[in-house]
Amino acid sequence: MKFILKILFAPVIAALAVIIWIFAFVLKLSAWFFGILGTVFGILGFAILLLDSVVNGIIVLVFAFLVSPLGLPMLAAWLIGQMQRFRYFVQDAVYG
């Protein structure tokens, strides 16, 4: 029975490994792009905060935080970590 589970779950574990690798690569590229975008929006939001409207400046600064590496890319990294954790859980459960 254990041998059948190993055969059935081998493609699942391999597919999860490839998907995690692809998602990690896309996350690396998007974090680089969003880091630059977050910097631009941060400078723009600070300028709007000082020169124009406080409310609009705060809105732009919140948007800058969301696209910064501490915002949405960090959430994506957490999700990739959870997928990796699930993969290792299945691998340890099946292969021991």
PDB file of N, CA and C in Angstrom:
ATOM      1  N   MET A   1       0.818  -1.194   0.000  1.00  0.00           N
ATOM      2  CA  MET A   1       0.000   0.000   0.000  1.00  0.00           C
ATOM      3  C   MET A   1       0.862   1.257   0.000  1.00  0.00           C
ATOM      4  N   LYS A   2       1.929   1.229   0.805  1.00  0.00           N
ATOM      5  CA  LYS A   2       2.819   2.379   0.891  1.00  0.00           C
ATOM      6  C   LYS A   2       3.506   2.617  -0.466  1.00  0.00           C
ATOM      7  N   PHE A   3       3.822   1.543  -1.177  1.00  0.00           N
ATOM      8  CA  PHE A   3       4.469   1.669  -2.483  1.00  0.00           C
ATOM      9  C   PHE A   3       3.535   2.339  -3.495  1.00  0.00           C
ATOM     10  N   ILE A   4       2.247   2.038  -3.443  1.00  0.00           N
ATOM     11  CA  ILE A   4       1.267   2.649  -4.352  1.00  0.00           C
ATOM     12  C   ILE A   4       1.146   4.145  -4.063  1.00  0.00           C
ATOM     13  N   LEU A   5       1.160   4.510  -2.772  1.00  0.00           N
ATOM     14  CA  LEU A   5       1.116   5.924  -2.421  1.00  0.00           C
ATOM     15  C   LEU A   5       2.350   6.666  -2.931  1.00  0.00           C
ATOM     16  N   LYS A   6       3.490   6.006  -2.850  1.00  0.00           N
ATOM     17  CA  LYS A   6       4.714   6.640  -3.351  1.00  0.00           C
ATOM     18  C   LYS A   6       4.632   6.886  -4.853  1.00  0.00           C
ATOM     19  N   ILE A   7       4.093   5.942  -5.572  1.00  0.00           N
ATOM     20  CA  ILE A   7       3.957   6.097  -7.028  1.00  0.00           C
ATOM     21  C   ILE A   7       2.915   7.167  -7.361  1.00  0.00           C
ATOM     22  N   LEU A   8       1.818   7.207  -6.622  1.00  0.00           N
ATOM     23  CA  LEU A   8       0.768   8.177  -6.901  1.00  0.00           C
ATOM     24  C   LEU A   8       1.186   9.610  -6.558  1.00  0.00           C
ATOM     25  N   PHE A   9       1.936   9.784  -5.484  1.00  0.00           N
ATOM     26  CA  PHE A   9       2.271  11.129  -5.037  1.00  0.00           C
ATOM     27  C   PHE A   9       3.576  11.668  -5.609  1.00  0.00           C
ATOM     28  N   ALA A  10       4.352  10.859  -6.298  1.00  0.00           N
ATOM     29  CA  ALA A  10       5.602  11.345  -6.899  1.00  0.00           C
ATOM     30  C   ALA A  10       5.355  12.465  -7.913  1.00  0.00           C
ATOM     31  N   PRO A  11       4.373  12.347  -8.833  1.00  0.00           N
ATOM     32  CA  PRO A  11       4.124  13.467  -9.754  1.00  0.00           C
ATOM     33  C   PRO A  11       3.584  14.711  -9.056  1.00  0.00           C
ATOM     34  N   VAL A  12       2.814  14.514  -7.999  1.00  0.00           N
ATOM     35  CA  VAL A  12       2.268  15.657  -7.261  1.00  0.00           C
ATOM     36  C   VAL A  12       3.401  16.439  -6.603  1.00  0.00           C
ATOM     37  N   ILE A  13       4.314  15.728  -5.976  1.00  0.00           N
ATOM     38  CA  ILE A  13       5.438  16.379  -5.310  1.00  0.00           C
ATOM     39  C   ILE A  13       6.347  17.055  -6.330  1.00  0.00           C
ATOM     40  N   ALA A  14       6.584  16.395  -7.459  1.00  0.00           N
ATOM     41  CA  ALA A  14       7.410  17.006  -8.508  1.00  0.00           C
ATOM     42  C   ALA A  14       6.734  18.248  -9.089  1.00  0.00           C
ATOM     43  N   ALA A  15       5.428  18.182  -9.308  1.00  0.00           N
ATOM     44  CA  ALA A  15       4.701  19.340  -9.838  1.00  0.00           C
ATOM     45  C   ALA A  15       4.725  20.491  -8.840  1.00  0.00           C
ATOM     46  N   LEU A  16       4.555  20.197  -7.560  1.00  0.00           N
ATOM     47  CA  LEU A  16       4.635  21.246  -6.550  1.00  0.00           C
ATOM     48  C   LEU A  16       6.021  21.884  -6.516  1.00  0.00           C
ATOM     49  N   ALA A  17       7.064  21.073  -6.676  1.00  0.00           N
ATOM     50  CA  ALA A  17       8.420  21.615  -6.675  1.00  0.00           C
ATOM     51  C   ALA A  17       8.630  22.565  -7.849  1.00  0.00           C
ATOM     52  N   VAL A  18       8.151  22.189  -9.024  1.00  0.00           N
ATOM     53  CA  VAL A  18       8.302  23.041 -10.204  1.00  0.00           C
ATOM     54  C   VAL A  18       7.465  24.314 -10.068  1.00  0.00           C
ATOM     55  N   ILE A  19       6.249  24.183  -9.588  1.00  0.00           N
ATOM     56  CA  ILE A  19       5.377  25.346  -9.419  1.00  0.00           C
ATOM     57  C   ILE A  19       5.968  26.320  -8.400  1.00  0.00           C
ATOM     58  N   ILE A  20       6.493  25.795  -7.307  1.00  0.00           N
ATOM     59  CA  ILE A  20       7.115  26.652  -6.295  1.00  0.00           C
ATOM     60  C   ILE A  20       8.326  27.364  -6.872  1.00  0.00           C
ATOM     61  N   TRP A  21       9.116  26.663  -7.666  1.00  0.00           N
ATOM     62  CA  TRP A  21      10.292  27.283  -8.281  1.00  0.00           C
ATOM     63  C   TRP A  21       9.870  28.411  -9.223  1.00  0.00           C
ATOM     64  N   ILE A  22       8.851  28.181 -10.025  1.00  0.00           N
ATOM     65  CA  ILE A  22       8.370  29.214 -10.955  1.00  0.00           C
ATOM     66  C   ILE A  22       7.814  30.410 -10.187  1.00  0.00           C
ATOM     67  N   PHE A  23       7.008  30.153  -9.154  1.00  0.00           N
ATOM     68  CA  PHE A  23       6.455  31.244  -8.356  1.00  0.00           C
ATOM     69  C   PHE A  23       7.550  32.040  -7.654  1.00  0.00           C
ATOM     70  N   ALA A  24       8.587  31.359  -7.175  1.00  0.00           N
ATOM     71  CA  ALA A  24       9.695  32.063  -6.516  1.00  0.00           C
ATOM     72  C   ALA A  24      10.436  32.947  -7.516  1.00  0.00           C
ATOM     73  N   PHE A  25      10.608  32.475  -8.745  1.00  0.00           N
ATOM     74  CA  PHE A  25      11.268  33.280  -9.774  1.00  0.00           C
ATOM     75  C   PHE A  25      10.431  34.510 -10.125  1.00  0.00           C
ATOM     76  N   VAL A  26       9.130  34.317 -10.288  1.00  0.00           N
ATOM     77  CA  VAL A  26       8.240  35.440 -10.589  1.00  0.00           C
ATOM     78  C   VAL A  26       8.212  36.418  -9.416  1.00  0.00           C
ATOM     79  N   LEU A  27       8.243  35.905  -8.201  1.00  0.00           N
ATOM     80  CA  LEU A  27       8.273  36.773  -7.024  1.00  0.00           C
ATOM     81  C   LEU A  27       9.550  37.604  -6.983  1.00  0.00           C
ATOM     82  N   LYS A  28      10.666  37.002  -7.352  1.00  0.00           N
ATOM     83  CA  LYS A  28      11.933  37.739  -7.370  1.00  0.00           C
ATOM     84  C   LYS A  28      11.878  38.890  -8.374  1.00  0.00           C
ATOM     85  N   LEU A  29      11.350  38.624  -9.552  1.00  0.00           N
ATOM     86  CA  LEU A  29      11.233  39.672 -10.563  1.00  0.00           C
ATOM     87  C   LEU A  29      10.232  40.748 -10.150  1.00  0.00           C
ATOM     88  N   SER A  30       9.113  40.338  -9.608  1.00  0.00           N
ATOM     89  CA  SER A  30       8.104  41.326  -9.230  1.00  0.00           C
ATOM     90  C   SER A  30       8.547  42.141  -8.025  1.00  0.00           C
ATOM     91  N   ALA A  31       9.291  41.540  -7.098  1.00  0.00           N
ATOM     92  CA  ALA A  31       9.777  42.299  -5.940  1.00  0.00           C
ATOM     93  C   ALA A  31      10.773  43.364  -6.388  1.00  0.00           C
ATOM     94  N   TRP A  32      11.581  43.040  -7.369  1.00  0.00           N
ATOM     95  CA  TRP A  32      12.522  44.031  -7.908  1.00  0.00           C
ATOM     96  C   TRP A  32      11.749  45.191  -8.542  1.00  0.00           C
ATOM     97  N   PHE A  33      10.778  44.875  -9.371  1.00  0.00           N
ATOM     98  CA  PHE A  33       9.979  45.899 -10.041  1.00  0.00           C
ATOM     99  C   PHE A  33       9.168  46.710  -9.036  1.00  0.00           C
ATOM    100  N   PHE A  34       8.517  46.023  -8.100  1.00  0.00           N
ATOM    101  CA  PHE A  34       7.712  46.721  -7.099  1.00  0.00           C
ATOM    102  C   PHE A  34       8.568  47.537  -6.143  1.00  0.00           C
ATOM    103  N   GLY A  35       9.805  47.124  -5.914  1.00  0.00           N
ATOM    104  CA  GLY A  35      10.697  47.924  -5.083  1.00  0.00           C
ATOM    105  C   GLY A  35      10.978  49.275  -5.710  1.00  0.00           C
ATOM    106  N   ILE A  36      11.240  49.263  -7.006  1.00  0.00           N
ATOM    107  CA  ILE A  36      11.448  50.526  -7.726  1.00  0.00           C
ATOM    108  C   ILE A  36      10.163  51.347  -7.746  1.00  0.00           C
ATOM    109  N   LEU A  37       9.051  50.696  -8.023  1.00  0.00           N
ATOM    110  CA  LEU A  37       7.763  51.387  -8.058  1.00  0.00           C
ATOM    111  C   LEU A  37       7.386  51.941  -6.686  1.00  0.00           C
ATOM    112  N   GLY A  38       7.662  51.193  -5.625  1.00  0.00           N
ATOM    113  CA  GLY A  38       7.381  51.668  -4.279  1.00  0.00           C
ATOM    114  C   GLY A  38       8.221  52.885  -3.917  1.00  0.00           C
ATOM    115  N   THR A  39       9.474  52.904  -4.367  1.00  0.00           N
ATOM    116  CA  THR A  39      10.328  54.065  -4.124  1.00  0.00           C
ATOM    117  C   THR A  39       9.789  55.300  -4.838  1.00  0.00           C
ATOM    118  N   VAL A  40       9.398  55.130  -6.082  1.00  0.00           N
ATOM    119  CA  VAL A  40       8.855  56.256  -6.849  1.00  0.00           C
ATOM    120  C   VAL A  40       7.574  56.773  -6.203  1.00  0.00           C
ATOM    121  N   PHE A  41       6.676  55.856  -5.842  1.00  0.00           N
ATOM    122  CA  PHE A  41       5.431  56.283  -5.194  1.00  0.00           C
ATOM    123  C   PHE A  41       5.684  56.877  -3.812  1.00  0.00           C
ATOM    124  N   GLY A  42       6.684  56.388  -3.103  1.00  0.00           N
ATOM    125  CA  GLY A  42       7.008  56.959  -1.803  1.00  0.00           C
ATOM    126  C   GLY A  42       7.481  58.391  -1.914  1.00  0.00           C
ATOM    127  N   ILE A  43       8.370  58.651  -2.870  1.00  0.00           N
ATOM    128  CA  ILE A  43       8.840  60.024  -3.090  1.00  0.00           C
ATOM    129  C   ILE A  43       7.698  60.908  -3.563  1.00  0.00           C
ATOM    130  N   LEU A  44       6.892  60.397  -4.492  1.00  0.00           N
ATOM    131  CA  LEU A  44       5.745  61.154  -4.988  1.00  0.00           C
ATOM    132  C   LEU A  44       4.726  61.415  -3.872  1.00  0.00           C
ATOM    133  N   GLY A  45       4.459  60.409  -3.045  1.00  0.00           N
ATOM    134  CA  GLY A  45       3.515  60.588  -1.945  1.00  0.00           C
ATOM    135  C   GLY A  45       4.006  61.596  -0.924  1.00  0.00           C
ATOM    136  N   PHE A  46       5.312  61.599  -0.636  1.00  0.00           N
ATOM    137  CA  PHE A  46       5.865  62.575   0.298  1.00  0.00           C
ATOM    138  C   PHE A  46       5.760  63.989  -0.274  1.00  0.00           C
ATOM    139  N   ALA A  47       6.017  64.113  -1.587  1.00  0.00           N
ATOM    140  CA  ALA A  47       5.904  65.430  -2.226  1.00  0.00           C
ATOM    141  C   ALA A  47       4.447  65.909  -2.213  1.00  0.00           C
ATOM    142  N   ILE A  48       3.514  65.027  -2.509  1.00  0.00           N
ATOM    143  CA  ILE A  48       2.098  65.405  -2.476  1.00  0.00           C
ATOM    144  C   ILE A  48       1.682  65.763  -1.055  1.00  0.00           C
ATOM    145  N   LEU A  49       2.194  65.024  -0.078  1.00  0.00           N
ATOM    146  CA  LEU A  49       1.873  65.303   1.313  1.00  0.00           C
ATOM    147  C   LEU A  49       2.326  66.693   1.729  1.00  0.00           C
ATOM    148  N   LEU A  50       3.514  67.097   1.284  1.00  0.00           N
ATOM    149  CA  LEU A  50       4.043  68.402   1.664  1.00  0.00           C
ATOM    150  C   LEU A  50       3.470  69.547   0.832  1.00  0.00           C
ATOM    151  N   LEU A  51       3.274  69.309  -0.457  1.00  0.00           N
ATOM    152  CA  LEU A  51       2.944  70.402  -1.355  1.00  0.00           C
ATOM    153  C   LEU A  51       1.454  70.563  -1.667  1.00  0.00           C
ATOM    154  N   ASP A  52       0.707  69.478  -1.646  1.00  0.00           N
ATOM    155  CA  ASP A  52      -0.674  69.577  -2.123  1.00  0.00           C
ATOM    156  C   ASP A  52      -1.672  69.237  -1.024  1.00  0.00           C
ATOM    157  N   SER A  53      -2.067  68.003  -0.946  1.00  0.00           N
ATOM    158  CA  SER A  53      -3.134  67.592  -0.045  1.00  0.00           C
ATOM    159  C   SER A  53      -2.619  66.492   0.883  1.00  0.00           C
ATOM    160  N   VAL A  54      -2.952  66.628   2.146  1.00  0.00           N
ATOM    161  CA  VAL A  54      -2.520  65.628   3.123  1.00  0.00           C
ATOM    162  C   VAL A  54      -3.210  64.289   2.870  1.00  0.00           C
ATOM    163  N   VAL A  55      -4.482  64.314   2.567  1.00  0.00           N
ATOM    164  CA  VAL A  55      -5.241  63.079   2.349  1.00  0.00           C
ATOM    165  C   VAL A  55      -4.706  62.332   1.124  1.00  0.00           C
ATOM    166  N   ASN A  56      -4.503  63.053   0.019  1.00  0.00           N
ATOM    167  CA  ASN A  56      -3.975  62.410  -1.184  1.00  0.00           C
ATOM    168  C   ASN A  56      -2.553  61.905  -0.960  1.00  0.00           C
ATOM    169  N   GLY A  57      -1.765  62.633  -0.205  1.00  0.00           N
ATOM    170  CA  GLY A  57      -0.407  62.189   0.096  1.00  0.00           C
ATOM    171  C   GLY A  57      -0.395  60.910   0.909  1.00  0.00           C
ATOM    172  N   ILE A  58      -1.296  60.811   1.877  1.00  0.00           N
ATOM    173  CA  ILE A  58      -1.379  59.595   2.683  1.00  0.00           C
ATOM    174  C   ILE A  58      -1.860  58.417   1.843  1.00  0.00           C
ATOM    175  N   ILE A  59      -2.797  58.663   0.944  1.00  0.00           N
ATOM    176  CA  ILE A  59      -3.283  57.598   0.053  1.00  0.00           C
ATOM    177  C   ILE A  59      -2.149  57.076  -0.817  1.00  0.00           C
ATOM    178  N   VAL A  60      -1.356  57.962  -1.375  1.00  0.00           N
ATOM    179  CA  VAL A  60      -0.236  57.542  -2.224  1.00  0.00           C
ATOM    180  C   VAL A  60       0.823  56.826  -1.384  1.00  0.00           C
ATOM    181  N   LEU A  61       1.051  57.256  -0.163  1.00  0.00           N
ATOM    182  CA  LEU A  61       2.030  56.587   0.700  1.00  0.00           C
ATOM    183  C   LEU A  61       1.561  55.185   1.108  1.00  0.00           C
ATOM    184  N   VAL A  62       0.266  55.022   1.336  1.00  0.00           N
ATOM    185  CA  VAL A  62      -0.262  53.686   1.632  1.00  0.00           C
ATOM    186  C   VAL A  62      -0.103  52.784   0.408  1.00  0.00           C
ATOM    187  N   PHE A  63      -0.390  53.315  -0.762  1.00  0.00           N
ATOM    188  CA  PHE A  63      -0.184  52.552  -1.996  1.00  0.00           C
ATOM    189  C   PHE A  63       1.292  52.199  -2.173  1.00  0.00           C
ATOM    190  N   ALA A  64       2.181  53.138  -1.835  1.00  0.00           N
ATOM    191  CA  ALA A  64       3.626  52.872  -1.924  1.00  0.00           C
ATOM    192  C   ALA A  64       4.022  51.747  -0.976  1.00  0.00           C
ATOM    193  N   PHE A  65       3.427  51.722   0.209  1.00  0.00           N
ATOM    194  CA  PHE A  65       3.722  50.632   1.138  1.00  0.00           C
ATOM    195  C   PHE A  65       3.237  49.294   0.594  1.00  0.00           C
ATOM    196  N   LEU A  66       2.054  49.285  -0.027  1.00  0.00           N
ATOM    197  CA  LEU A  66       1.515  48.023  -0.551  1.00  0.00           C
ATOM    198  C   LEU A  66       2.381  47.445  -1.659  1.00  0.00           C
ATOM    199  N   VAL A  67       2.964  48.289  -2.501  1.00  0.00           N
ATOM    200  CA  VAL A  67       3.790  47.767  -3.587  1.00  0.00           C
ATOM    201  C   VAL A  67       5.254  47.647  -3.189  1.00  0.00           C
ATOM    202  N   SER A  68       5.613  48.098  -1.996  1.00  0.00           N
ATOM    203  CA  SER A  68       6.990  47.952  -1.536  1.00  0.00           C
ATOM    204  C   SER A  68       7.254  46.483  -1.212  1.00  0.00           C
ATOM    205  N   PRO A  69       8.511  46.104  -1.056  1.00  0.00           N
ATOM    206  CA  PRO A  69       8.803  44.696  -0.724  1.00  0.00           C
ATOM    207  C   PRO A  69       8.219  44.234   0.611  1.00  0.00           C
ATOM    208  N   LEU A  70       7.758  45.135   1.454  1.00  0.00           N
ATOM    209  CA  LEU A  70       7.133  44.739   2.719  1.00  0.00           C
ATOM    210  C   LEU A  70       5.624  44.576   2.604  1.00  0.00           C
ATOM    211  N   GLY A  71       5.033  44.897   1.472  1.00  0.00           N
ATOM    212  CA  GLY A  71       3.585  44.824   1.293  1.00  0.00           C
ATOM    213  C   GLY A  71       3.159  43.530   0.632  1.00  0.00           C
ATOM    214  N   LEU A  72       2.647  43.654  -0.580  1.00  0.00           N
ATOM    215  CA  LEU A  72       2.127  42.495  -1.305  1.00  0.00           C
ATOM    216  C   LEU A  72       3.187  41.444  -1.647  1.00  0.00           C
ATOM    217  N   PRO A  73       4.427  41.830  -2.024  1.00  0.00           N
ATOM    218  CA  PRO A  73       5.425  40.781  -2.255  1.00  0.00           C
ATOM    219  C   PRO A  73       5.723  39.938  -1.007  1.00  0.00           C
ATOM    220  N   MET A  74       5.641  40.535   0.181  1.00  0.00           N
ATOM    221  CA  MET A  74       5.849  39.756   1.400  1.00  0.00           C
ATOM    222  C   MET A  74       4.714  38.763   1.610  1.00  0.00           C
ATOM    223  N   LEU A  75       3.498  39.159   1.270  1.00  0.00           N
ATOM    224  CA  LEU A  75       2.363  38.246   1.344  1.00  0.00           C
ATOM    225  C   LEU A  75       2.544  37.090   0.360  1.00  0.00           C
ATOM    226  N   ALA A  76       3.019  37.404  -0.842  1.00  0.00           N
ATOM    227  CA  ALA A  76       3.266  36.360  -1.836  1.00  0.00           C
ATOM    228  C   ALA A  76       4.375  35.418  -1.371  1.00  0.00           C
ATOM    229  N   ALA A  77       5.413  35.956  -0.745  1.00  0.00           N
ATOM    230  CA  ALA A  77       6.493  35.112  -0.217  1.00  0.00           C
ATOM    231  C   ALA A  77       5.967  34.197   0.885  1.00  0.00           C
ATOM    232  N   TRP A  78       5.076  34.712   1.721  1.00  0.00           N
ATOM    233  CA  TRP A  78       4.476  33.880   2.763  1.00  0.00           C
ATOM    234  C   TRP A  78       3.665  32.746   2.146  1.00  0.00           C
ATOM    235  N   LEU A  79       2.899  33.059   1.093  1.00  0.00           N
ATOM    236  CA  LEU A  79       2.099  32.015   0.427  1.00  0.00           C
ATOM    237  C   LEU A  79       2.982  30.959  -0.222  1.00  0.00           C
ATOM    238  N   ILE A  80       4.095  31.376  -0.820  1.00  0.00           N
ATOM    239  CA  ILE A  80       5.031  30.412  -1.402  1.00  0.00           C
ATOM    240  C   ILE A  80       5.625  29.540  -0.298  1.00  0.00           C
ATOM    241  N   GLY A  81       5.920  30.132   0.827  1.00  0.00           N
ATOM    242  CA  GLY A  81       6.424  29.360   1.958  1.00  0.00           C
ATOM    243  C   GLY A  81       5.423  28.338   2.452  1.00  0.00           C
ATOM    244  N   GLN A  82       4.146  28.700   2.463  1.00  0.00           N
ATOM    245  CA  GLN A  82       3.109  27.753   2.870  1.00  0.00           C
ATOM    246  C   GLN A  82       2.984  26.610   1.860  1.00  0.00           C
ATOM    247  N   MET A  83       3.129  26.917   0.575  1.00  0.00           N
ATOM    248  CA  MET A  83       3.108  25.859  -0.440  1.00  0.00           C
ATOM    249  C   MET A  83       4.292  24.914  -0.255  1.00  0.00           C
ATOM    250  N   GLN A  84       5.460  25.479   0.037  1.00  0.00           N
ATOM    251  CA  GLN A  84       6.657  24.667   0.280  1.00  0.00           C
ATOM    252  C   GLN A  84       6.460  23.791   1.520  1.00  0.00           C
ATOM    253  N   ARG A  85       5.855  24.363   2.548  1.00  0.00           N
ATOM    254  CA  ARG A  85       5.587  23.606   3.768  1.00  0.00           C
ATOM    255  C   ARG A  85       4.630  22.447   3.487  1.00  0.00           C
ATOM    256  N   PHE A  86       3.607  22.705   2.667  1.00  0.00           N
ATOM    257  CA  PHE A  86       2.668  21.643   2.303  1.00  0.00           C
ATOM    258  C   PHE A  86       3.365  20.549   1.509  1.00  0.00           C
ATOM    259  N   ARG A  87       4.235  20.953   0.604  1.00  0.00           N
ATOM    260  CA  ARG A  87       4.972  19.969  -0.193  1.00  0.00           C
ATOM    261  C   ARG A  87       5.815  19.070   0.705  1.00  0.00           C
ATOM    262  N   TYR A  88       6.523  19.648   1.658  1.00  0.00           N
ATOM    263  CA  TYR A  88       7.344  18.848   2.558  1.00  0.00           C
ATOM    264  C   TYR A  88       6.494  17.990   3.489  1.00  0.00           C
ATOM    265  N   PHE A  89       5.325  18.501   3.870  1.00  0.00           N
ATOM    266  CA  PHE A  89       4.422  17.694   4.687  1.00  0.00           C
ATOM    267  C   PHE A  89       3.978  16.445   3.931  1.00  0.00           C
ATOM    268  N   VAL A  90       3.557  16.613   2.679  1.00  0.00           N
ATOM    269  CA  VAL A  90       3.124  15.473   1.874  1.00  0.00           C
ATOM    270  C   VAL A  90       4.305  14.538   1.638  1.00  0.00           C
ATOM    271  N   GLN A  91       5.465  15.103   1.340  1.00  0.00           N
ATOM    272  CA  GLN A  91       6.637  14.272   1.069  1.00  0.00           C
ATOM    273  C   GLN A  91       7.029  13.471   2.306  1.00  0.00           C
ATOM    274  N   ASP A  92       7.018  14.078   3.474  1.00  0.00           N
ATOM    275  CA  ASP A  92       7.358  13.355   4.691  1.00  0.00           C
ATOM    276  C   ASP A  92       6.299  12.332   5.049  1.00  0.00           C
ATOM    277  N   ALA A  93       5.032  12.647   4.807  1.00  0.00           N
ATOM    278  CA  ALA A  93       3.956  11.703   5.136  1.00  0.00           C
ATOM    279  C   ALA A  93       4.002  10.461   4.255  1.00  0.00           C
ATOM    280  N   VAL A  94       4.337  10.654   2.986  1.00  0.00           N
ATOM    281  CA  VAL A  94       4.314   9.538   2.053  1.00  0.00           C
ATOM    282  C   VAL A  94       5.628   8.764   2.084  1.00  0.00           C
ATOM    283  N   TYR A  95       6.744   9.474   2.059  1.00  0.00           N
ATOM    284  CA  TYR A  95       8.037   8.814   1.945  1.00  0.00           C
ATOM    285  C   TYR A  95       8.705   8.556   3.296  1.00  0.00           C
ATOM    286  N   GLY A  96       8.187   9.131   4.338  1.00  0.00           N
ATOM    287  CA  GLY A  96       8.675   8.874   5.687  1.00  0.00           C
ATOM    288  C   GLY A  96       9.941   9.478   6.024  1.00  0.00           C
TER     289      GLY A  96
END
